[in-house]
Amino acid sequence: MSDIILLGSDPFDLGLRLEAASFEVSKLDGYPTGVDLETVGITDALVLLVTDVKLASLIPVAREQNETIQVVLYTDDRLPPFASAQADLAVDPDLVDPDEFIEAVIDRIQSVTSPHERN
């Protein structure tokens, strides 16, 4: 099971930073599908981290498969209205550095999970 599914490229090494904080991270780049989300464990994931708004169409698919997933975006691109409405947190990398963003993601995870839910 992945704690976090990262959609898009990872120029800021967000996946590595989250793995260093003891989270299981699955990365999907290119043009993944709903089946790809299932393959990496979307139904049990805690966070969908989107770095490429071209992949925002997968947000509703992820929400259908996991209603409680936290959707966070780290991109300077403008979000389509449907993505803005379904995002729990959207951060511009020009305004918040990757370390601060990772802290915010970890705080968000900890606020929605009990200590017994994580290994």
PDB file of N, CA and C in Angstrom:
ATOM      1  N   MET A   1       0.831  -1.193   0.000  1.00  0.00           N
ATOM      2  CA  MET A   1       0.000   0.000   0.000  1.00  0.00           C
ATOM      3  C   MET A   1       0.867   1.245   0.000  1.00  0.00           C
ATOM      4  N   SER A   2       0.494   2.191  -0.787  1.00  0.00           N
ATOM      5  CA  SER A   2       1.181   3.481  -0.803  1.00  0.00           C
ATOM      6  C   SER A   2       0.451   4.449   0.105  1.00  0.00           C
ATOM      7  N   ASP A   3       1.209   5.198   0.882  1.00  0.00           N
ATOM      8  CA  ASP A   3       0.615   6.285   1.659  1.00  0.00           C
ATOM      9  C   ASP A   3       0.304   7.458   0.738  1.00  0.00           C
ATOM     10  N   ILE A   4       1.222   7.683  -0.217  1.00  0.00           N
ATOM     11  CA  ILE A   4       1.143   8.852  -1.085  1.00  0.00           C
ATOM     12  C   ILE A   4       1.346   8.414  -2.528  1.00  0.00           C
ATOM     13  N   ILE A   5       0.475   8.914  -3.405  1.00  0.00           N
ATOM     14  CA  ILE A   5       0.635   8.679  -4.833  1.00  0.00           C
ATOM     15  C   ILE A   5       0.980  10.018  -5.458  1.00  0.00           C
ATOM     16  N   LEU A   6       2.122  10.065  -6.122  1.00  0.00           N
ATOM     17  CA  LEU A   6       2.608  11.284  -6.743  1.00  0.00           C
ATOM     18  C   LEU A   6       2.328  11.219  -8.242  1.00  0.00           C
ATOM     19  N   LEU A   7       1.543  12.175  -8.729  1.00  0.00           N
ATOM     20  CA  LEU A   7       1.206  12.253 -10.153  1.00  0.00           C
ATOM     21  C   LEU A   7       2.005  13.371 -10.796  1.00  0.00           C
ATOM     22  N   GLY A   8       2.824  13.021 -11.761  1.00  0.00           N
ATOM     23  CA  GLY A   8       3.593  14.023 -12.476  1.00  0.00           C
ATOM     24  C   GLY A   8       5.074  13.908 -12.186  1.00  0.00           C
ATOM     25  N   SER A   9       5.823  14.799 -12.799  1.00  0.00           N
ATOM     26  CA  SER A   9       7.270  14.795 -12.590  1.00  0.00           C
ATOM     27  C   SER A   9       7.579  15.253 -11.170  1.00  0.00           C
ATOM     28  N   ASP A  10       8.811  15.051 -10.769  1.00  0.00           N
ATOM     29  CA  ASP A  10       9.195  15.365  -9.391  1.00  0.00           C
ATOM     30  C   ASP A  10      10.506  16.155  -9.354  1.00  0.00           C
ATOM     31  N   PRO A  11      10.511  17.360  -9.932  1.00  0.00           N
ATOM     32  CA  PRO A  11      11.754  18.129  -9.992  1.00  0.00           C
ATOM     33  C   PRO A  11      12.247  18.605  -8.629  1.00  0.00           C
ATOM     34  N   PHE A  12      11.387  18.600  -7.628  1.00  0.00           N
ATOM     35  CA  PHE A  12      11.780  19.051  -6.290  1.00  0.00           C
ATOM     36  C   PHE A  12      12.094  17.885  -5.354  1.00  0.00           C
ATOM     37  N   ASP A  13      12.107  16.659  -5.901  1.00  0.00           N
ATOM     38  CA  ASP A  13      12.361  15.453  -5.097  1.00  0.00           C
ATOM     39  C   ASP A  13      11.390  15.312  -3.925  1.00  0.00           C
ATOM     40  N   LEU A  14      10.125  15.633  -4.172  1.00  0.00           N
ATOM     41  CA  LEU A  14       9.107  15.508  -3.127  1.00  0.00           C
ATOM     42  C   LEU A  14       8.965  14.063  -2.685  1.00  0.00           C
ATOM     43  N   GLY A  15       9.000  13.142  -3.642  1.00  0.00           N
ATOM     44  CA  GLY A  15       8.886  11.720  -3.305  1.00  0.00           C
ATOM     45  C   GLY A  15       9.996  11.276  -2.378  1.00  0.00           C
ATOM     46  N   LEU A  16      11.212  11.657  -2.679  1.00  0.00           N
ATOM     47  CA  LEU A  16      12.347  11.289  -1.824  1.00  0.00           C
ATOM     48  C   LEU A  16      12.215  11.904  -0.436  1.00  0.00           C
ATOM     49  N   ARG A  17      11.766  13.134  -0.371  1.00  0.00           N
ATOM     50  CA  ARG A  17      11.595  13.816   0.920  1.00  0.00           C
ATOM     51  C   ARG A  17      10.527  13.118   1.758  1.00  0.00           C
ATOM     52  N   LEU A  18       9.455  12.695   1.105  1.00  0.00           N
ATOM     53  CA  LEU A  18       8.389  11.993   1.830  1.00  0.00           C
ATOM     54  C   LEU A  18       8.843  10.595   2.245  1.00  0.00           C
ATOM     55  N   GLU A  19       9.587   9.923   1.392  1.00  0.00           N
ATOM     56  CA  GLU A  19      10.130   8.616   1.762  1.00  0.00           C
ATOM     57  C   GLU A  19      11.088   8.746   2.942  1.00  0.00           C
ATOM     58  N   ALA A  20      11.855   9.823   2.985  1.00  0.00           N
ATOM     59  CA  ALA A  20      12.767  10.063   4.105  1.00  0.00           C
ATOM     60  C   ALA A  20      11.999  10.283   5.404  1.00  0.00           C
ATOM     61  N   ALA A  21      10.742  10.708   5.277  1.00  0.00           N
ATOM     62  CA  ALA A  21       9.880  10.904   6.448  1.00  0.00           C
ATOM     63  C   ALA A  21       9.055   9.645   6.744  1.00  0.00           C
ATOM     64  N   SER A  22       9.481   8.514   6.161  1.00  0.00           N
ATOM     65  CA  SER A  22       8.882   7.192   6.414  1.00  0.00           C
ATOM     66  C   SER A  22       7.525   6.965   5.777  1.00  0.00           C
ATOM     67  N   PHE A  23       7.259   7.615   4.662  1.00  0.00           N
ATOM     68  CA  PHE A  23       6.028   7.365   3.918  1.00  0.00           C
ATOM     69  C   PHE A  23       6.336   6.501   2.712  1.00  0.00           C
ATOM     70  N   GLU A  24       5.398   5.635   2.369  1.00  0.00           N
ATOM     71  CA  GLU A  24       5.489   4.822   1.161  1.00  0.00           C
ATOM     72  C   GLU A  24       4.935   5.664   0.015  1.00  0.00           C
ATOM     73  N   VAL A  25       5.752   5.897  -1.007  1.00  0.00           N
ATOM     74  CA  VAL A  25       5.371   6.762  -2.126  1.00  0.00           C
ATOM     75  C   VAL A  25       5.402   5.967  -3.430  1.00  0.00           C
ATOM     76  N   SER A  26       4.312   6.081  -4.193  1.00  0.00           N
ATOM     77  CA  SER A  26       4.264   5.528  -5.550  1.00  0.00           C
ATOM     78  C   SER A  26       4.201   6.696  -6.514  1.00  0.00           C
ATOM     79  N   LYS A  27       5.001   6.625  -7.580  1.00  0.00           N
ATOM     80  CA  LYS A  27       5.058   7.721  -8.542  1.00  0.00           C
ATOM     81  C   LYS A  27       4.466   7.271  -9.868  1.00  0.00           C
ATOM     82  N   LEU A  28       3.588   8.103 -10.410  1.00  0.00           N
ATOM     83  CA  LEU A  28       3.004   7.867 -11.722  1.00  0.00           C
ATOM     84  C   LEU A  28       3.269   9.100 -12.576  1.00  0.00           C
ATOM     85  N   ASP A  29       4.033   8.929 -13.631  1.00  0.00           N
ATOM     86  CA  ASP A  29       4.347  10.027 -14.528  1.00  0.00           C
ATOM     87  C   ASP A  29       3.814   9.660 -15.910  1.00  0.00           C
ATOM     88  N   GLY A  30       3.954  10.534 -16.842  1.00  0.00           N
ATOM     89  CA  GLY A  30       3.418  10.269 -18.170  1.00  0.00           C
ATOM     90  C   GLY A  30       1.928  10.546 -18.178  1.00  0.00           C
ATOM     91  N   TYR A  31       1.157   9.584 -18.680  1.00  0.00           N
ATOM     92  CA  TYR A  31      -0.293   9.747 -18.741  1.00  0.00           C
ATOM     93  C   TYR A  31      -0.968   8.534 -18.101  1.00  0.00           C
ATOM     94  N   PRO A  32      -0.958   8.464 -16.764  1.00  0.00           N
ATOM     95  CA  PRO A  32      -1.555   7.314 -16.086  1.00  0.00           C
ATOM     96  C   PRO A  32      -3.076   7.317 -16.227  1.00  0.00           C
ATOM     97  N   THR A  33      -3.645   6.160 -15.947  1.00  0.00           N
ATOM     98  CA  THR A  33      -5.097   5.965 -16.033  1.00  0.00           C
ATOM     99  C   THR A  33      -5.644   5.591 -14.659  1.00  0.00           C
ATOM    100  N   GLY A  34      -6.948   5.445 -14.592  1.00  0.00           N
ATOM    101  CA  GLY A  34      -7.580   4.975 -13.371  1.00  0.00           C
ATOM    102  C   GLY A  34      -7.079   3.601 -12.968  1.00  0.00           C
ATOM    103  N   VAL A  35      -6.805   2.764 -13.948  1.00  0.00           N
ATOM    104  CA  VAL A  35      -6.263   1.426 -13.672  1.00  0.00           C
ATOM    105  C   VAL A  35      -4.884   1.543 -13.025  1.00  0.00           C
ATOM    106  N   ASP A  36      -4.076   2.491 -13.497  1.00  0.00           N
ATOM    107  CA  ASP A  36      -2.764   2.718 -12.892  1.00  0.00           C
ATOM    108  C   ASP A  36      -2.913   3.148 -11.432  1.00  0.00           C
ATOM    109  N   LEU A  37      -3.909   3.990 -11.159  1.00  0.00           N
ATOM    110  CA  LEU A  37      -4.168   4.400  -9.770  1.00  0.00           C
ATOM    111  C   LEU A  37      -4.517   3.188  -8.907  1.00  0.00           C
ATOM    112  N   GLU A  38      -5.360   2.316  -9.451  1.00  0.00           N
ATOM    113  CA  GLU A  38      -5.722   1.101  -8.716  1.00  0.00           C
ATOM    114  C   GLU A  38      -4.498   0.237  -8.450  1.00  0.00           C
ATOM    115  N   THR A  39      -3.641   0.116  -9.442  1.00  0.00           N
ATOM    116  CA  THR A  39      -2.454  -0.726  -9.331  1.00  0.00           C
ATOM    117  C   THR A  39      -1.532  -0.276  -8.202  1.00  0.00           C
ATOM    118  N   VAL A  40      -1.427   1.030  -7.976  1.00  0.00           N
ATOM    119  CA  VAL A  40      -0.546   1.526  -6.921  1.00  0.00           C
ATOM    120  C   VAL A  40      -1.270   1.712  -5.582  1.00  0.00           C
ATOM    121  N   GLY A  41      -2.538   1.323  -5.522  1.00  0.00           N
ATOM    122  CA  GLY A  41      -3.246   1.304  -4.244  1.00  0.00           C
ATOM    123  C   GLY A  41      -4.008   2.553  -3.869  1.00  0.00           C
ATOM    124  N   ILE A  42      -4.671   3.170  -4.837  1.00  0.00           N
ATOM    125  CA  ILE A  42      -5.414   4.405  -4.562  1.00  0.00           C
ATOM    126  C   ILE A  42      -6.477   4.227  -3.480  1.00  0.00           C
ATOM    127  N   THR A  43      -7.071   3.051  -3.393  1.00  0.00           N
ATOM    128  CA  THR A  43      -8.164   2.860  -2.432  1.00  0.00           C
ATOM    129  C   THR A  43      -7.706   2.987  -0.983  1.00  0.00           C
ATOM    130  N   ASP A  44      -6.422   2.754  -0.715  1.00  0.00           N
ATOM    131  CA  ASP A  44      -5.911   2.850   0.650  1.00  0.00           C
ATOM    132  C   ASP A  44      -4.954   4.022   0.868  1.00  0.00           C
ATOM    133  N   ALA A  45      -4.658   4.773  -0.181  1.00  0.00           N
ATOM    134  CA  ALA A  45      -3.702   5.876  -0.070  1.00  0.00           C
ATOM    135  C   ALA A  45      -4.272   7.003   0.784  1.00  0.00           C
ATOM    136  N   LEU A  46      -3.374   7.739   1.392  1.00  0.00           N
ATOM    137  CA  LEU A  46      -3.758   8.872   2.223  1.00  0.00           C
ATOM    138  C   LEU A  46      -3.765  10.182   1.437  1.00  0.00           C
ATOM    139  N   VAL A  47      -2.819  10.307   0.483  1.00  0.00           N
ATOM    140  CA  VAL A  47      -2.643  11.562  -0.247  1.00  0.00           C
ATOM    141  C   VAL A  47      -2.428  11.295  -1.728  1.00  0.00           C
ATOM    142  N   LEU A  48      -3.065  12.110  -2.545  1.00  0.00           N
ATOM    143  CA  LEU A  48      -2.780  12.177  -3.972  1.00  0.00           C
ATOM    144  C   LEU A  48      -2.069  13.506  -4.170  1.00  0.00           C
ATOM    145  N   LEU A  49      -0.791  13.447  -4.529  1.00  0.00           N
ATOM    146  CA  LEU A  49       0.034  14.637  -4.717  1.00  0.00           C
ATOM    147  C   LEU A  49       0.215  14.862  -6.210  1.00  0.00           C
ATOM    148  N   VAL A  50      -0.313  15.969  -6.704  1.00  0.00           N
ATOM    149  CA  VAL A  50      -0.295  16.267  -8.137  1.00  0.00           C
ATOM    150  C   VAL A  50       0.678  17.413  -8.392  1.00  0.00           C
ATOM    151  N   THR A  51       1.633  17.181  -9.297  1.00  0.00           N
ATOM    152  CA  THR A  51       2.607  18.219  -9.652  1.00  0.00           C
ATOM    153  C   THR A  51       2.415  18.715 -11.081  1.00  0.00           C
ATOM    154  N   ASP A  52       1.499  18.108 -11.809  1.00  0.00           N
ATOM    155  CA  ASP A  52       1.271  18.462 -13.209  1.00  0.00           C
ATOM    156  C   ASP A  52      -0.233  18.598 -13.438  1.00  0.00           C
ATOM    157  N   VAL A  53      -0.702  19.825 -13.694  1.00  0.00           N
ATOM    158  CA  VAL A  53      -2.143  20.037 -13.864  1.00  0.00           C
ATOM    159  C   VAL A  53      -2.708  19.316 -15.074  1.00  0.00           C
ATOM    160  N   LYS A  54      -1.858  18.890 -15.997  1.00  0.00           N
ATOM    161  CA  LYS A  54      -2.364  18.101 -17.129  1.00  0.00           C
ATOM    162  C   LYS A  54      -2.927  16.764 -16.646  1.00  0.00           C
ATOM    163  N   LEU A  55      -2.565  16.373 -15.445  1.00  0.00           N
ATOM    164  CA  LEU A  55      -3.062  15.114 -14.882  1.00  0.00           C
ATOM    165  C   LEU A  55      -4.222  15.338 -13.912  1.00  0.00           C
ATOM    166  N   ALA A  56      -4.701  16.566 -13.824  1.00  0.00           N
ATOM    167  CA  ALA A  56      -5.786  16.894 -12.891  1.00  0.00           C
ATOM    168  C   ALA A  56      -7.071  16.127 -13.189  1.00  0.00           C
ATOM    169  N   SER A  57      -7.228  15.638 -14.409  1.00  0.00           N
ATOM    170  CA  SER A  57      -8.440  14.872 -14.729  1.00  0.00           C
ATOM    171  C   SER A  57      -8.508  13.579 -13.925  1.00  0.00           C
ATOM    172  N   LEU A  58      -7.391  13.148 -13.350  1.00  0.00           N
ATOM    173  CA  LEU A  58      -7.401  11.943 -12.511  1.00  0.00           C
ATOM    174  C   LEU A  58      -7.885  12.217 -11.080  1.00  0.00           C
ATOM    175  N   ILE A  59      -8.010  13.481 -10.718  1.00  0.00           N
ATOM    176  CA  ILE A  59      -8.468  13.800  -9.362  1.00  0.00           C
ATOM    177  C   ILE A  59      -9.871  13.248  -9.106  1.00  0.00           C
ATOM    178  N   PRO A  60     -10.864  13.498  -9.983  1.00  0.00           N
ATOM    179  CA  PRO A  60     -12.188  12.925  -9.726  1.00  0.00           C
ATOM    180  C   PRO A  60     -12.176  11.396  -9.738  1.00  0.00           C
ATOM    181  N   VAL A  61     -11.325  10.810 -10.567  1.00  0.00           N
ATOM    182  CA  VAL A  61     -11.207   9.351 -10.611  1.00  0.00           C
ATOM    183  C   VAL A  61     -10.689   8.844  -9.270  1.00  0.00           C
ATOM    184  N   ALA A  62      -9.677   9.512  -8.731  1.00  0.00           N
ATOM    185  CA  ALA A  62      -9.129   9.130  -7.431  1.00  0.00           C
ATOM    186  C   ALA A  62     -10.171   9.291  -6.335  1.00  0.00           C
ATOM    187  N   ARG A  63     -10.927  10.375  -6.382  1.00  0.00           N
ATOM    188  CA  ARG A  63     -11.976  10.617  -5.374  1.00  0.00           C
ATOM    189  C   ARG A  63     -13.080   9.551  -5.441  1.00  0.00           C
ATOM    190  N   GLU A  64     -13.385   9.078  -6.646  1.00  0.00           N
ATOM    191  CA  GLU A  64     -14.383   8.008  -6.776  1.00  0.00           C
ATOM    192  C   GLU A  64     -13.896   6.730  -6.115  1.00  0.00           C
ATOM    193  N   GLN A  65     -12.605   6.471  -6.228  1.00  0.00           N
ATOM    194  CA  GLN A  65     -12.039   5.239  -5.691  1.00  0.00           C
ATOM    195  C   GLN A  65     -11.671   5.350  -4.213  1.00  0.00           C
ATOM    196  N   ASN A  66     -11.516   6.582  -3.716  1.00  0.00           N
ATOM    197  CA  ASN A  66     -11.132   6.791  -2.327  1.00  0.00           C
ATOM    198  C   ASN A  66     -11.654   8.153  -1.888  1.00  0.00           C
ATOM    199  N   GLU A  67     -12.816   8.164  -1.257  1.00  0.00           N
ATOM    200  CA  GLU A  67     -13.476   9.416  -0.877  1.00  0.00           C
ATOM    201  C   GLU A  67     -12.710  10.217   0.164  1.00  0.00           C
ATOM    202  N   THR A  68     -11.874   9.561   0.942  1.00  0.00           N
ATOM    203  CA  THR A  68     -11.183  10.251   2.031  1.00  0.00           C
ATOM    204  C   THR A  68      -9.767  10.708   1.668  1.00  0.00           C
ATOM    205  N   ILE A  69      -9.338  10.444   0.455  1.00  0.00           N
ATOM    206  CA  ILE A  69      -7.973  10.827   0.077  1.00  0.00           C
ATOM    207  C   ILE A  69      -7.820  12.346   0.114  1.00  0.00           C
ATOM    208  N   GLN A  70      -6.678  12.801   0.596  1.00  0.00           N
ATOM    209  CA  GLN A  70      -6.346  14.215   0.590  1.00  0.00           C
ATOM    210  C   GLN A  70      -5.682  14.529  -0.750  1.00  0.00           C
ATOM    211  N   VAL A  71      -6.209  15.498  -1.464  1.00  0.00           N
ATOM    212  CA  VAL A  71      -5.654  15.882  -2.755  1.00  0.00           C
ATOM    213  C   VAL A  71      -4.858  17.165  -2.563  1.00  0.00           C
ATOM    214  N   VAL A  72      -3.551  17.074  -2.803  1.00  0.00           N
ATOM    215  CA  VAL A  72      -2.687  18.239  -2.666  1.00  0.00           C
ATOM    216  C   VAL A  72      -1.953  18.469  -3.979  1.00  0.00           C
ATOM    217  N   LEU A  73      -1.800  19.728  -4.329  1.00  0.00           N
ATOM    218  CA  LEU A  73      -1.129  20.088  -5.575  1.00  0.00           C
ATOM    219  C   LEU A  73       0.055  20.989  -5.274  1.00  0.00           C
ATOM    220  N   TYR A  74       1.150  20.750  -5.960  1.00  0.00           N
ATOM    221  CA  TYR A  74       2.346  21.580  -5.851  1.00  0.00           C
ATOM    222  C   TYR A  74       2.756  21.946  -7.266  1.00  0.00           C
ATOM    223  N   THR A  75       2.225  23.044  -7.724  1.00  0.00           N
ATOM    224  CA  THR A  75       2.436  23.468  -9.111  1.00  0.00           C
ATOM    225  C   THR A  75       2.207  24.965  -9.228  1.00  0.00           C
ATOM    226  N   ASP A  76       2.898  25.579 -10.177  1.00  0.00           N
ATOM    227  CA  ASP A  76       2.672  26.999 -10.434  1.00  0.00           C
ATOM    228  C   ASP A  76       1.698  27.209 -11.586  1.00  0.00           C
ATOM    229  N   ASP A  77       1.195  26.123 -12.145  1.00  0.00           N
ATOM    230  CA  ASP A  77       0.216  26.216 -13.220  1.00  0.00           C
ATOM    231  C   ASP A  77      -1.169  26.493 -12.656  1.00  0.00           C
ATOM    232  N   ARG A  78      -1.966  27.175 -13.440  1.00  0.00           N
ATOM    233  CA  ARG A  78      -3.345  27.466 -13.040  1.00  0.00           C
ATOM    234  C   ARG A  78      -4.172  26.187 -13.076  1.00  0.00           C
ATOM    235  N   LEU A  79      -4.938  25.984 -12.037  1.00  0.00           N
ATOM    236  CA  LEU A  79      -5.746  24.778 -11.935  1.00  0.00           C
ATOM    237  C   LEU A  79      -7.077  24.960 -12.656  1.00  0.00           C
ATOM    238  N   PRO A  80      -7.545  23.910 -13.328  1.00  0.00           N
ATOM    239  CA  PRO A  80      -8.887  23.983 -13.902  1.00  0.00           C
ATOM    240  C   PRO A  80      -9.911  24.062 -12.761  1.00  0.00           C
ATOM    241  N   PRO A  81     -11.062  24.684 -12.998  1.00  0.00           N
ATOM    242  CA  PRO A  81     -12.054  24.852 -11.934  1.00  0.00           C
ATOM    243  C   PRO A  81     -12.436  23.553 -11.227  1.00  0.00           C
ATOM    244  N   PHE A  82     -12.588  22.455 -11.973  1.00  0.00           N
ATOM    245  CA  PHE A  82     -12.973  21.202 -11.313  1.00  0.00           C
ATOM    246  C   PHE A  82     -11.877  20.724 -10.367  1.00  0.00           C
ATOM    247  N   ALA A  83     -10.627  20.992 -10.686  1.00  0.00           N
ATOM    248  CA  ALA A  83      -9.521  20.572  -9.819  1.00  0.00           C
ATOM    249  C   ALA A  83      -9.461  21.453  -8.577  1.00  0.00           C
ATOM    250  N   SER A  84      -9.682  22.745  -8.752  1.00  0.00           N
ATOM    251  CA  SER A  84      -9.681  23.651  -7.610  1.00  0.00           C
ATOM    252  C   SER A  84     -10.751  23.261  -6.609  1.00  0.00           C
ATOM    253  N   ALA A  85     -11.904  22.861  -7.128  1.00  0.00           N
ATOM    254  CA  ALA A  85     -13.015  22.495  -6.255  1.00  0.00           C
ATOM    255  C   ALA A  85     -12.744  21.203  -5.488  1.00  0.00           C
ATOM    256  N   GLN A  86     -11.904  20.326  -6.024  1.00  0.00           N
ATOM    257  CA  GLN A  86     -11.660  19.041  -5.380  1.00  0.00           C
ATOM    258  C   GLN A  86     -10.321  18.964  -4.648  1.00  0.00           C
ATOM    259  N   ALA A  87      -9.535  20.020  -4.722  1.00  0.00           N
ATOM    260  CA  ALA A  87      -8.234  20.028  -4.055  1.00  0.00           C
ATOM    261  C   ALA A  87      -8.394  20.410  -2.591  1.00  0.00           C
ATOM    262  N   ASP A  88      -7.669  19.711  -1.737  1.00  0.00           N
ATOM    263  CA  ASP A  88      -7.661  20.056  -0.319  1.00  0.00           C
ATOM    264  C   ASP A  88      -6.600  21.107  -0.013  1.00  0.00           C
ATOM    265  N   LEU A  89      -5.541  21.108  -0.821  1.00  0.00           N
ATOM    266  CA  LEU A  89      -4.440  22.049  -0.623  1.00  0.00           C
ATOM    267  C   LEU A  89      -3.760  22.260  -1.967  1.00  0.00           C
ATOM    268  N   ALA A  90      -3.562  23.509  -2.358  1.00  0.00           N
ATOM    269  CA  ALA A  90      -2.843  23.830  -3.597  1.00  0.00           C
ATOM    270  C   ALA A  90      -1.778  24.867  -3.258  1.00  0.00           C
ATOM    271  N   VAL A  91      -0.537  24.558  -3.624  1.00  0.00           N
ATOM    272  CA  VAL A  91       0.590  25.407  -3.258  1.00  0.00           C
ATOM    273  C   VAL A  91       1.431  25.710  -4.491  1.00  0.00           C
ATOM    274  N   ASP A  92       1.820  26.945  -4.616  1.00  0.00           N
ATOM    275  CA  ASP A  92       2.684  27.386  -5.706  1.00  0.00           C
ATOM    276  C   ASP A  92       4.141  27.261  -5.258  1.00  0.00           C
ATOM    277  N   PRO A  93       4.975  26.505  -5.988  1.00  0.00           N
ATOM    278  CA  PRO A  93       6.376  26.349  -5.613  1.00  0.00           C
ATOM    279  C   PRO A  93       7.162  27.664  -5.585  1.00  0.00           C
ATOM    280  N   ASP A  94       6.672  28.685  -6.297  1.00  0.00           N
ATOM    281  CA  ASP A  94       7.343  29.979  -6.258  1.00  0.00           C
ATOM    282  C   ASP A  94       7.102  30.702  -4.940  1.00  0.00           C
ATOM    283  N   LEU A  95       6.091  30.270  -4.202  1.00  0.00           N
ATOM    284  CA  LEU A  95       5.743  30.939  -2.946  1.00  0.00           C
ATOM    285  C   LEU A  95       6.149  30.153  -1.704  1.00  0.00           C
ATOM    286  N   VAL A  96       6.202  28.837  -1.836  1.00  0.00           N
ATOM    287  CA  VAL A  96       6.521  27.977  -0.688  1.00  0.00           C
ATOM    288  C   VAL A  96       7.579  26.975  -1.120  1.00  0.00           C
ATOM    289  N   ASP A  97       8.676  26.911  -0.365  1.00  0.00           N
ATOM    290  CA  ASP A  97       9.743  25.988  -0.759  1.00  0.00           C
ATOM    291  C   ASP A  97       9.343  24.544  -0.463  1.00  0.00           C
ATOM    292  N   PRO A  98      10.019  23.592  -1.107  1.00  0.00           N
ATOM    293  CA  PRO A  98       9.643  22.182  -0.974  1.00  0.00           C
ATOM    294  C   PRO A  98       9.650  21.661   0.464  1.00  0.00           C
ATOM    295  N   ASP A  99      10.594  22.094   1.286  1.00  0.00           N
ATOM    296  CA  ASP A  99      10.632  21.618   2.674  1.00  0.00           C
ATOM    297  C   ASP A  99       9.396  22.054   3.450  1.00  0.00           C
ATOM    298  N   GLU A 100       8.995  23.305   3.277  1.00  0.00           N
ATOM    299  CA  GLU A 100       7.792  23.795   3.950  1.00  0.00           C
ATOM    300  C   GLU A 100       6.549  23.066   3.428  1.00  0.00           C
ATOM    301  N   PHE A 101       6.525  22.822   2.130  1.00  0.00           N
ATOM    302  CA  PHE A 101       5.397  22.099   1.552  1.00  0.00           C
ATOM    303  C   PHE A 101       5.305  20.693   2.134  1.00  0.00           C
ATOM    304  N   ILE A 102       6.426  19.988   2.217  1.00  0.00           N
ATOM    305  CA  ILE A 102       6.436  18.636   2.771  1.00  0.00           C
ATOM    306  C   ILE A 102       5.949  18.650   4.220  1.00  0.00           C
ATOM    307  N   GLU A 103       6.368  19.646   4.990  1.00  0.00           N
ATOM    308  CA  GLU A 103       5.882  19.769   6.371  1.00  0.00           C
ATOM    309  C   GLU A 103       4.362  19.908   6.392  1.00  0.00           C
ATOM    310  N   ALA A 104       3.823  20.712   5.477  1.00  0.00           N
ATOM    311  CA  ALA A 104       2.371  20.903   5.413  1.00  0.00           C
ATOM    312  C   ALA A 104       1.660  19.607   5.040  1.00  0.00           C
ATOM    313  N   VAL A 105       2.233  18.845   4.116  1.00  0.00           N
ATOM    314  CA  VAL A 105       1.634  17.566   3.715  1.00  0.00           C
ATOM    315  C   VAL A 105       1.657  16.596   4.905  1.00  0.00           C
ATOM    316  N   ILE A 106       2.772  16.521   5.597  1.00  0.00           N
ATOM    317  CA  ILE A 106       2.872  15.624   6.761  1.00  0.00           C
ATOM    318  C   ILE A 106       1.882  16.045   7.844  1.00  0.00           C
ATOM    319  N   ASP A 107       1.763  17.333   8.102  1.00  0.00           N
ATOM    320  CA  ASP A 107       0.781  17.822   9.081  1.00  0.00           C
ATOM    321  C   ASP A 107      -0.633  17.440   8.664  1.00  0.00           C
ATOM    322  N   ARG A 108      -0.926  17.556   7.373  1.00  0.00           N
ATOM    323  CA  ARG A 108      -2.259  17.205   6.859  1.00  0.00           C
ATOM    324  C   ARG A 108      -2.521  15.716   7.066  1.00  0.00           C
ATOM    325  N   ILE A 109      -1.540  14.882   6.771  1.00  0.00           N
ATOM    326  CA  ILE A 109      -1.689  13.438   6.963  1.00  0.00           C
ATOM    327  C   ILE A 109      -1.934  13.122   8.430  1.00  0.00           C
ATOM    328  N   GLN A 110      -1.143  13.719   9.293  1.00  0.00           N
ATOM    329  CA  GLN A 110      -1.270  13.443  10.721  1.00  0.00           C
ATOM    330  C   GLN A 110      -2.598  13.934  11.287  1.00  0.00           C
ATOM    331  N   SER A 111      -3.154  14.987  10.690  1.00  0.00           N
ATOM    332  CA  SER A 111      -4.427  15.501  11.191  1.00  0.00           C
ATOM    333  C   SER A 111      -5.621  14.632  10.798  1.00  0.00           C
ATOM    334  N   VAL A 112      -5.459  13.810   9.756  1.00  0.00           N
ATOM    335  CA  VAL A 112      -6.580  12.984   9.309  1.00  0.00           C
ATOM    336  C   VAL A 112      -6.398  11.504   9.607  1.00  0.00           C
ATOM    337  N   THR A 113      -5.271  11.114  10.197  1.00  0.00           N
ATOM    338  CA  THR A 113      -5.051   9.700  10.521  1.00  0.00           C
ATOM    339  C   THR A 113      -4.720   9.561  11.987  1.00  0.00           C
ATOM    340  N   SER A 114      -5.116   8.443  12.542  1.00  0.00           N
ATOM    341  CA  SER A 114      -4.733   8.155  13.921  1.00  0.00           C
ATOM    342  C   SER A 114      -3.388   7.434  13.887  1.00  0.00           C
ATOM    343  N   PRO A 115      -2.660   7.458  15.004  1.00  0.00           N
ATOM    344  CA  PRO A 115      -1.348   6.787  15.023  1.00  0.00           C
ATOM    345  C   PRO A 115      -1.449   5.298  14.706  1.00  0.00           C
ATOM    346  N   HIS A 116      -2.591   4.685  14.961  1.00  0.00           N
ATOM    347  CA  HIS A 116      -2.751   3.244  14.717  1.00  0.00           C
ATOM    348  C   HIS A 116      -2.998   2.917  13.250  1.00  0.00           C
ATOM    349  N   GLU A 117      -3.318   3.920  12.435  1.00  0.00           N
ATOM    350  CA  GLU A 117      -3.579   3.678  11.027  1.00  0.00           C
ATOM    351  C   GLU A 117      -2.299   3.554  10.219  1.00  0.00           C
ATOM    352  N   ARG A 118      -1.175   4.050  10.734  1.00  0.00           N
ATOM    353  CA  ARG A 118       0.094   3.960  10.019  1.00  0.00           C
ATOM    354  C   ARG A 118       0.938   2.856  10.617  1.00  0.00           C
ATOM    355  N   ASN A 119       1.735   2.233   9.783  1.00  0.00           N
ATOM    356  CA  ASN A 119       2.627   1.157  10.257  1.00  0.00           C
ATOM    357  C   ASN A 119       3.746   1.737  11.076  1.00  0.00           C
TER     358      ASN A 119
END
